[in-house]
Amino acid sequence: MKLKQRLFNLTLLYNQTTQKEKSHSQTIKKMGAFNFNMVVFMAMVASMAFCSSATQHVVGDASGWVIPNNRNLYADWASQRMFTVGDSLVFDFLTGTHDVTEVSKDDYDHCHVSNPGSIITTSRATINLTSPGDHYYICSLEGHCMFHQKLAINVVMKSLFYLAQSKFTL
């Protein structure tokens, strides 16, 4: 009788342990699914917030688009910003005294215009940044570019920028 009772108790203990392990395993699976779903949800919320915002960059800030006193004005200005697809550049200048001309890197480096992308001659010129990569702008009026009225920027995809800036790790 004692042997039967012991076998019964062992069987009961085994079944209880197995049930606890199954329950624990199911809890872990549920927690894993919850954590994954939470990460996906947080990523969606973050991407909606980031994708809906575009920055309007006023070139040169208060100085505007002028022949600069400081030859590094526009390079320094650009180095302090991140430009993403969807942002825009705003060039403030006195109409008739300057223009904004999008040029190639070679034209930018040599201050000449062989094949302009666009020329804007009226002030509060707004250029929408629609593609990633390097973009170059100069004032094409004689001598202005040579006196450093030129801007070079790098535009990145929004998702790459925010992914790089994210503190989340997957």
Protein backbone atom coordinates (compact mmCIF):
# COMPACT_ATOMS: atom_id res chain seq x y z
CA MET A 1 0.00 0.00 0.00
CA LYS A 2 2.80 2.40 0.86
CA LEU A 3 4.38 1.78 -2.54
CA LYS A 4 1.11 2.56 -4.31
CA GLN A 5 0.71 5.72 -2.25
CA ARG A 6 4.26 6.81 -3.06
CA LEU A 7 3.74 6.15 -6.79
CA PHE A 8 0.50 8.11 -6.67
CA ASN A 9 2.18 11.01 -4.85
CA LEU A 10 5.11 11.01 -7.32
CA THR A 11 2.72 10.94 -10.27
CA LEU A 12 0.73 13.79 -8.75
CA LEU A 13 3.91 15.79 -8.09
CA TYR A 14 5.13 15.15 -11.65
CA ASN A 15 1.82 16.31 -13.13
CA GLN A 16 1.81 19.46 -10.99
CA THR A 17 5.42 20.25 -11.99
CA THR A 18 4.66 19.65 -15.66
CA GLN A 19 1.60 21.92 -15.46
CA LYS A 20 3.68 24.67 -13.82
CA GLU A 21 6.34 24.37 -16.52
CA LYS A 22 3.72 24.53 -19.26
CA SER A 23 2.11 27.53 -17.60
CA HIS A 24 5.50 29.22 -17.17
CA SER A 25 6.38 28.50 -20.81
CA GLN A 26 3.08 29.96 -21.98
CA THR A 27 3.63 33.04 -19.81
CA ILE A 28 7.08 33.56 -21.36
CA LYS A 29 5.63 33.19 -24.87
CA LYS A 30 2.88 35.70 -24.05
CA MET A 31 5.42 38.14 -22.61
CA GLY A 32 7.60 37.76 -25.71
CA ALA A 33 4.62 38.45 -27.97
CA PHE A 34 3.63 41.43 -25.81
CA ASN A 35 7.18 42.86 -25.90
CA PHE A 36 7.40 42.45 -29.68
CA ASN A 37 3.99 44.07 -30.17
CA MET A 38 4.98 46.92 -27.85
CA VAL A 39 8.19 47.55 -29.82
CA VAL A 40 6.25 47.57 -33.11
CA PHE A 41 3.65 49.93 -31.63
CA MET A 42 6.31 52.31 -30.28
CA ALA A 43 8.12 52.31 -33.63
CA MET A 44 4.88 53.15 -35.45
CA VAL A 45 4.06 56.00 -33.08
CA ALA A 46 7.60 57.37 -33.32
CA SER A 47 7.65 57.18 -37.11
CA MET A 48 4.31 58.98 -37.38
CA ALA A 49 5.56 61.77 -35.15
CA PHE A 50 8.87 62.10 -36.98
CA CYS A 51 7.57 61.70 -40.52
CA SER A 52 4.94 64.36 -40.10
CA SER A 53 7.39 67.06 -39.07
CA ALA A 54 9.48 68.92 -41.61
CA THR A 55 11.98 71.61 -40.77
CA GLN A 56 12.18 74.94 -42.54
CA HIS A 57 15.84 76.05 -42.49
CA VAL A 58 16.41 79.78 -42.97
CA VAL A 59 19.80 79.87 -44.69
CA GLY A 60 22.29 81.94 -42.72
CA ASP A 61 19.72 82.59 -39.98
CA ALA A 62 19.59 86.36 -39.25
CA SER A 63 22.35 87.09 -41.80
CA GLY A 64 20.25 85.76 -44.66
CA TRP A 65 21.60 85.03 -48.14
CA VAL A 66 24.31 87.67 -48.62
CA ILE A 67 27.98 87.97 -49.49
CA PRO A 68 29.27 86.97 -46.05
CA ASN A 69 31.86 88.85 -44.00
CA ASN A 70 32.97 85.46 -42.66
CA ARG A 71 34.02 83.12 -45.49
CA ASN A 72 32.81 80.12 -43.44
CA LEU A 73 29.37 81.51 -42.60
CA TYR A 74 27.37 79.07 -44.71
CA ALA A 75 29.63 76.06 -44.11
CA ASP A 76 29.44 76.65 -40.35
CA TRP A 77 25.68 77.21 -40.54
CA ALA A 78 25.13 73.94 -42.45
CA SER A 79 27.42 71.94 -40.16
CA GLN A 80 25.12 72.69 -37.22
CA ARG A 81 22.04 71.20 -38.89
CA MET A 82 20.64 67.92 -40.13
CA PHE A 83 18.80 68.14 -43.45
CA THR A 84 16.24 65.47 -44.25
CA VAL A 85 13.98 64.76 -47.22
CA GLY A 86 10.83 66.81 -46.70
CA ASP A 87 12.64 69.79 -45.14
CA SER A 88 12.98 73.09 -46.98
CA LEU A 89 15.60 75.81 -47.35
CA VAL A 90 14.52 79.45 -47.21
CA PHE A 91 16.85 82.03 -48.73
CA ASP A 92 16.23 85.62 -47.60
CA PHE A 93 17.84 88.34 -49.75
CA LEU A 94 17.05 91.66 -51.35
CA THR A 95 15.44 90.84 -54.71
CA GLY A 96 17.63 92.04 -57.58
CA THR A 97 20.85 91.87 -55.56
CA HIS A 98 21.23 88.06 -55.34
CA ASP A 99 19.82 84.83 -56.66
CA VAL A 100 19.82 81.16 -55.65
CA THR A 101 21.14 78.73 -58.24
CA GLU A 102 21.34 74.99 -57.75
CA VAL A 103 24.54 73.66 -59.32
CA SER A 104 26.74 70.58 -59.58
CA LYS A 105 29.66 69.98 -57.24
CA ASP A 106 32.11 71.01 -59.96
CA ASP A 107 30.23 74.28 -60.55
CA TYR A 108 30.11 74.84 -56.78
CA ASP A 109 33.86 74.22 -56.40
CA HIS A 110 34.78 76.50 -59.35
CA CYS A 111 32.02 79.11 -58.90
CA HIS A 112 30.62 78.84 -62.39
CA VAL A 113 27.28 77.77 -63.80
CA SER A 114 27.49 75.32 -66.67
CA ASN A 115 24.21 73.48 -66.15
CA PRO A 116 22.00 75.05 -63.45
CA GLY A 117 19.32 72.94 -61.81
CA SER A 118 17.13 75.91 -60.95
CA ILE A 119 17.57 79.65 -60.60
CA ILE A 120 15.41 81.67 -58.23
CA THR A 121 15.68 85.45 -58.52
CA THR A 122 12.98 86.62 -56.11
CA SER A 123 13.42 86.75 -52.39
CA ARG A 124 12.18 84.49 -49.74
CA ALA A 125 13.12 81.73 -52.11
CA THR A 126 12.00 78.35 -50.80
CA ILE A 127 13.57 75.13 -52.01
CA ASN A 128 11.96 71.86 -50.95
CA LEU A 129 14.45 69.07 -50.28
CA THR A 130 12.92 66.14 -52.14
CA SER A 131 15.88 63.82 -52.64
CA PRO A 132 18.73 62.53 -50.50
CA GLY A 133 22.35 63.29 -51.31
CA ASP A 134 24.61 66.29 -51.71
CA HIS A 135 23.05 69.55 -52.88
CA TYR A 136 24.92 72.70 -53.92
CA TYR A 137 23.68 76.29 -54.16
CA ILE A 138 25.45 79.49 -55.18
CA CYS A 139 24.60 83.07 -56.01
CA SER A 140 25.33 83.19 -59.73
CA LEU A 141 25.74 86.97 -59.91
CA GLU A 142 29.26 87.94 -60.90
CA GLY A 143 31.79 87.53 -58.08
CA HIS A 144 29.32 86.58 -55.36
CA CYS A 145 30.23 82.89 -55.24
CA MET A 146 33.96 83.75 -55.26
CA PHE A 147 33.28 85.74 -52.10
CA HIS A 148 31.75 82.59 -50.51
CA GLN A 149 28.06 83.12 -51.13
CA LYS A 150 27.56 79.42 -51.60
CA LEU A 151 26.05 76.56 -49.65
CA ALA A 152 26.71 72.81 -49.70
CA ILE A 153 24.42 70.45 -47.76
CA ASN A 154 23.85 66.73 -47.43
CA VAL A 155 20.24 65.56 -47.30
CA VAL A 156 19.37 62.20 -45.72
CA MET A 157 16.21 60.11 -45.74
CA LYS A 158 14.08 60.82 -42.68
CA SER A 159 13.90 57.18 -41.65
CA LEU A 160 17.69 56.81 -41.75
CA PHE A 161 18.18 59.98 -39.72
CA TYR A 162 15.76 58.94 -36.99
CA LEU A 163 17.02 55.37 -36.98
CA ALA A 164 20.54 56.67 -36.46
CA GLN A 165 19.36 59.02 -33.72
CA SER A 166 17.18 56.41 -32.01
CA LYS A 167 18.12 55.11 -28.60
CA PHE A 168 16.04 51.98 -29.12
CA THR A 169 17.78 48.75 -29.94
CA LEU A 170 15.90 45.87 -31.47
